[in-house]
Protein backbone atom coordinates (compact mmCIF):
# COMPACT_ATOMS: atom_id res chain seq x y z
CA MET A 1 -0.06 0.06 -0.02
CA LYS A 2 1.40 3.38 -0.98
CA LYS A 3 1.71 5.98 1.81
CA ASN A 4 -0.17 9.26 1.45
CA ASN A 5 2.02 12.24 0.72
CA LYS A 6 2.14 14.72 3.65
CA VAL A 7 0.54 18.16 2.89
CA LYS A 8 3.42 20.64 2.36
CA TYR A 9 2.75 23.99 3.83
CA LYS A 10 4.58 27.15 3.09
CA TYR A 11 3.12 29.21 5.94
CA LYS A 12 1.24 27.03 8.29
CA ASN A 13 3.37 25.12 10.89
CA LYS A 14 6.58 26.37 9.20
CA LYS A 15 9.59 24.52 10.27
CA LYS A 16 12.25 26.60 12.14
CA GLY A 17 15.92 26.53 11.49
CA LEU A 18 18.56 26.24 14.41
CA PHE A 19 19.57 29.89 14.23
CA TYR A 20 15.90 30.94 14.64
CA LYS A 21 15.48 28.82 17.82
CA ILE A 22 18.62 30.18 19.32
CA LEU A 23 17.67 33.73 18.60
CA ARG A 24 14.07 33.21 19.79
CA PHE A 25 15.51 31.68 23.13
CA PHE A 26 17.27 34.94 23.83
CA VAL A 27 14.47 37.22 22.77
CA LEU A 28 12.21 35.28 25.34
CA ILE A 29 14.54 36.26 28.20
CA PHE A 30 13.06 39.74 27.75
CA TYR A 31 9.60 38.68 26.44
CA ARG A 32 7.23 37.05 28.84
CA LYS A 33 4.30 35.05 27.78
CA ARG A 34 1.14 36.99 26.87
CA LYS A 35 -2.48 36.51 28.07
CA PHE A 36 -5.05 36.42 25.31
CA THR A 37 -8.69 37.40 25.79
CA GLY A 38 -11.73 37.23 23.40
CA ILE A 39 -10.63 34.05 21.60
CA GLU A 40 -14.23 33.12 21.39
CA ASN A 41 -14.61 35.78 18.69
CA VAL A 42 -12.28 34.08 16.36
CA SER A 43 -13.61 31.48 13.93
CA VAL A 44 -11.98 28.15 13.77
CA ASP A 45 -13.82 27.03 10.52
CA GLU A 46 -12.36 29.60 8.26
CA PRO A 47 -9.09 31.75 8.19
CA VAL A 48 -9.52 35.29 9.15
CA VAL A 49 -7.40 38.52 9.10
CA PHE A 50 -6.36 40.07 12.45
CA ILE A 51 -5.90 43.76 12.47
CA SER A 52 -3.85 45.13 15.36
CA ASN A 53 -2.24 48.28 16.72
CA HIS A 54 1.60 48.18 15.84
CA CYS A 55 2.88 49.00 19.34
CA GLN A 56 6.16 49.62 17.90
CA LEU A 57 8.15 46.31 17.62
CA HIS A 58 6.00 44.81 20.46
CA SER A 59 3.07 43.56 18.51
CA PRO A 60 4.92 41.89 15.61
CA LEU A 61 7.37 40.12 18.15
CA ALA A 62 4.57 39.13 20.57
CA THR A 63 2.50 37.72 17.63
CA GLU A 64 5.48 35.84 16.28
CA LEU A 65 6.37 34.34 19.65
CA PHE A 66 2.95 33.61 21.49
CA PHE A 67 0.01 33.67 18.89
CA PRO A 68 -2.50 31.02 19.63
CA PHE A 69 -3.39 30.45 15.90
CA ASP A 70 -1.56 29.49 12.66
CA LYS A 71 -0.59 32.85 11.14
CA ALA A 72 1.30 34.56 8.62
CA ILE A 73 2.38 38.11 9.55
CA TRP A 74 2.70 41.06 7.16
CA CYS A 75 6.14 42.39 7.90
CA ASN A 76 7.99 45.32 6.23
CA GLY A 77 10.31 43.83 3.59
CA GLU A 78 13.16 45.77 5.02
CA MET A 79 12.83 44.21 8.42
CA MET A 80 13.31 40.66 6.83
CA ASN A 81 16.73 41.99 5.27
CA VAL A 82 19.69 42.01 7.66
CA LYS A 83 21.40 44.67 5.49
CA GLU A 84 18.43 46.95 5.28
CA ILE A 85 17.33 46.80 8.93
CA PRO A 86 19.88 49.39 10.56
CA SER A 87 18.84 52.20 8.37
CA TYR A 88 15.24 51.30 8.31
CA ALA A 89 15.21 50.71 12.19
CA TYR A 90 16.92 53.93 13.01
CA LYS A 91 14.76 55.98 10.67
CA ASP A 92 11.41 54.42 11.84
CA PHE A 93 11.96 53.88 15.58
CA TRP A 94 14.73 56.31 16.77
CA SER A 95 15.16 59.19 14.44
CA ASN A 96 13.36 61.62 16.76
CA LYS A 97 15.38 60.81 19.93
CA PRO A 98 17.13 63.82 21.32
CA LYS A 99 20.26 64.75 19.34
CA GLY A 100 22.70 64.04 22.15
CA ILE A 101 21.89 60.42 22.19
CA ARG A 102 21.06 59.67 18.82
CA TRP A 103 24.63 58.05 18.38
CA PHE A 104 23.64 55.41 20.81
CA PHE A 105 20.57 54.56 18.87
CA LYS A 106 22.46 54.44 15.53
CA GLY A 107 24.76 51.78 17.15
CA LEU A 108 21.75 50.03 18.49
CA SER A 109 20.15 49.78 15.10
CA TYR A 110 23.09 47.83 13.96
CA LEU A 111 23.04 45.50 17.05
CA ILE A 112 19.42 44.56 16.43
CA ALA A 113 20.17 43.58 12.77
CA PRO A 114 20.08 39.86 13.59
CA VAL A 115 16.52 40.30 14.34
CA GLY A 116 16.17 40.15 10.56
CA PHE A 117 17.12 36.34 10.71
CA LEU A 118 14.12 36.09 13.18
CA PHE A 119 11.56 37.61 10.90
CA LYS A 120 13.12 35.97 7.79
CA SER A 121 12.60 32.53 9.48
CA ALA A 122 9.35 33.61 11.14
CA ASP A 123 5.68 33.07 9.78
CA ALA A 124 6.04 36.47 7.70
CA ILE A 125 5.02 37.66 4.50
CA PRO A 126 7.14 40.72 3.19
CA VAL A 127 5.33 43.89 2.45
CA TYR A 128 6.76 46.70 0.21
CA ARG A 129 5.70 50.10 -0.90
CA ASP A 130 6.06 49.49 -4.61
CA LEU A 131 4.72 47.04 -7.31
CA ARG A 132 6.07 44.07 -5.30
CA ILE A 133 2.72 44.46 -3.17
CA THR A 134 1.21 42.22 -5.68
CA GLN A 135 3.38 39.55 -4.46
CA THR A 136 2.26 40.27 -0.94
CA PHE A 137 -1.31 39.69 -1.89
CA LYS A 138 -0.59 36.55 -3.98
CA LYS A 139 1.41 35.07 -0.87
CA SER A 140 -1.51 36.07 1.50
CA ILE A 141 -4.00 34.22 -0.67
CA GLU A 142 -1.67 31.10 -0.68
CA ALA A 143 -1.50 31.25 3.09
CA LEU A 144 -5.29 31.83 3.57
CA ASN A 145 -5.98 28.74 1.28
CA GLU A 146 -3.77 26.68 3.44
CA GLY A 147 -6.08 27.66 6.34
CA CYS A 148 -3.42 30.11 7.73
CA ASN A 149 -4.71 33.34 9.39
CA ILE A 150 -3.12 36.65 8.38
CA VAL A 151 -1.99 39.34 10.89
CA ILE A 152 -1.62 43.01 9.84
CA PHE A 153 -0.49 46.13 11.84
CA PRO A 154 -1.74 48.78 9.26
CA GLU A 155 -1.33 51.87 11.29
CA LYS A 156 0.26 54.97 9.66
CA ALA A 157 1.78 58.14 11.08
CA GLU A 158 -1.36 60.29 11.23
CA GLY A 159 -3.06 60.17 14.51
CA HIS A 160 -6.68 58.96 15.38
CA ASN A 161 -7.03 58.98 19.04
CA ASN A 162 -5.07 58.11 22.26
CA ILE A 163 -5.19 54.30 21.34
CA ILE A 164 -4.39 54.03 17.74
CA ASN A 165 -3.49 56.09 14.52
CA ASP A 166 -5.28 55.99 11.29
CA LEU A 167 -4.92 52.88 9.15
CA ASN A 168 -3.59 52.30 5.68
CA LEU A 169 -6.81 51.47 3.87
CA TYR A 170 -5.50 49.10 1.31
CA PHE A 171 -5.09 45.83 3.28
CA VAL A 172 -8.86 45.61 2.83
CA ASP A 173 -8.20 44.69 -0.92
CA LEU A 174 -7.07 41.35 0.27
CA ALA A 175 -10.54 40.46 0.92
CA LYS A 176 -11.44 41.41 -2.74
CA PHE A 177 -8.82 39.13 -4.11
CA TYR A 178 -9.73 36.41 -1.78
CA TYR A 179 -13.31 36.43 -2.83
CA LYS A 180 -12.28 36.41 -6.37
CA SER A 181 -10.14 33.41 -5.77
CA THR A 182 -12.56 31.41 -3.57
CA GLY A 183 -15.88 32.97 -3.44
CA LYS A 184 -15.75 33.41 0.19
CA GLU A 185 -16.04 36.63 2.27
CA LEU A 186 -13.21 37.21 4.65
CA ASN A 187 -13.67 38.23 8.36
CA PHE A 188 -11.38 40.94 9.82
CA VAL A 189 -10.91 40.64 13.63
CA PRO A 190 -9.94 43.73 15.60
CA MET A 191 -6.89 43.03 18.11
CA TYR A 192 -5.21 45.13 20.51
CA ASN A 193 -1.83 44.55 22.24
CA ALA A 194 -1.73 46.09 25.66
CA HIS A 195 2.10 45.73 26.08
CA LYS A 196 2.28 46.94 29.56
CA LEU A 197 -0.33 44.62 30.85
CA LYS A 198 1.05 41.64 28.79
CA THR A 199 -2.54 41.12 27.34
CA ILE A 200 -3.62 40.78 23.89
CA CYS A 201 -7.40 41.01 23.07
CA PHE A 202 -9.53 39.97 20.19
CA GLY A 203 -12.72 41.65 19.39
CA LYS A 204 -15.84 40.92 17.21
CA PRO A 205 -15.23 40.63 13.53
CA ILE A 206 -16.56 42.42 10.66
CA LYS A 207 -17.11 40.60 7.39
CA PHE A 208 -16.29 41.85 3.89
CA ASP A 209 -19.28 42.68 1.91
CA SER A 210 -18.55 41.42 -1.67
CA LYS A 211 -21.65 43.30 -3.00
CA ASP A 212 -20.42 46.74 -1.85
CA THR A 213 -17.80 48.88 -3.60
CA ILE A 214 -14.19 48.20 -2.60
CA GLU A 215 -13.86 52.01 -1.88
CA ASN A 216 -16.73 51.92 0.63
CA GLN A 217 -15.62 48.75 2.05
CA ARG A 218 -12.20 50.19 2.81
CA THR A 219 -13.68 52.99 4.84
CA VAL A 220 -16.55 51.06 6.54
CA ILE A 221 -14.03 48.24 7.69
CA CYS A 222 -11.34 50.66 8.72
CA GLU A 223 -13.82 52.73 10.81
CA TYR A 224 -15.16 49.60 12.50
CA LEU A 225 -11.73 48.21 13.41
CA LYS A 226 -10.45 51.68 14.84
CA ASP A 227 -13.54 51.95 17.01
CA GLU A 228 -13.50 48.24 18.12
CA ILE A 229 -9.58 48.34 19.02
CA THR A 230 -10.30 51.59 20.93
CA SER A 231 -13.05 49.79 22.90
CA LEU A 232 -10.77 46.82 23.61
CA ALA A 233 -8.09 49.10 25.06
CA GLN A 234 -10.58 51.11 27.12
CA GLU A 235 -12.30 47.98 28.60
CA LEU A 236 -8.91 46.99 30.02
CA PRO A 237 -7.50 48.47 33.35
CA VAL A 238 -5.85 51.91 32.76
CA HIS A 239 -2.31 51.46 31.20
CA THR A 240 0.07 53.28 29.11
CA VAL A 241 -0.29 52.91 25.45
CA ILE A 242 2.82 52.15 23.30
CA PRO A 243 2.16 54.45 20.33
CA PHE A 244 3.10 53.68 16.60
CA ASN A 245 5.02 56.93 16.33
CA ASN A 246 8.47 57.12 17.42
CA VAL A 247 8.05 59.65 20.25
CA PRO A 248 9.70 60.23 23.70
CA LYS A 249 8.19 58.10 26.50
CA LYS A 250 6.96 61.25 28.32
CA GLN A 251 4.39 61.77 25.42
CA TYR A 252 2.98 58.15 25.72
CA LYS A 253 -0.73 58.40 26.67
CA LYS A 254 -3.02 56.51 28.98
CA SER A 255 -5.69 54.22 27.80
CA LYS A 256 -8.24 56.52 29.65
């Protein structure tokens, strides 16, 4: 009798290399396990797209290390390339630090470059700001078709409230492409990472409406997600919100 061939997954239950395991071990010295709430809001029958606050580096790292579901994370392509990390990290995370200590953060940007190996071996899909975005959508559809969820951190620099910034709208197009590929309507699940509380919350999903225009769906879905993420944060005990923007800690705001 012939043995059945095992299903080969590109994204789901991806095997990790030795270097990844070693690096993960050292990262876990500083990152403690997270508590997850609202898991009952997440469907186990169909893959979904999680939309979360970015929380600087904390949400991507916490998602990779502790997430309770199979996932593929949208990750800036630069953060998956060891050579590009120093300039990207300094510009994105620390360029607004006081001039007198910027030298320290420039050095630190090179020290964290090995994190690129972590993301490259992680459950990640690279995202770029050019024509390569078509590959991002293609790989995301592949992952969803494997039953793997997608996690996206779509905040942009423009503020919205004390919890979350405005969102880049075009991640919603993933639902349009998925519907064309499968005839199924994707659910988007709001997610909030309260880093200071070591808690990650899931809210009630919103479903893509294939009968509506994509322009309207971008607005409807993003407004709903911002409101729900804000509510998730405000339902927790009062805590310091880690913002998307690179600002001094004294400018961090409270959740209420």
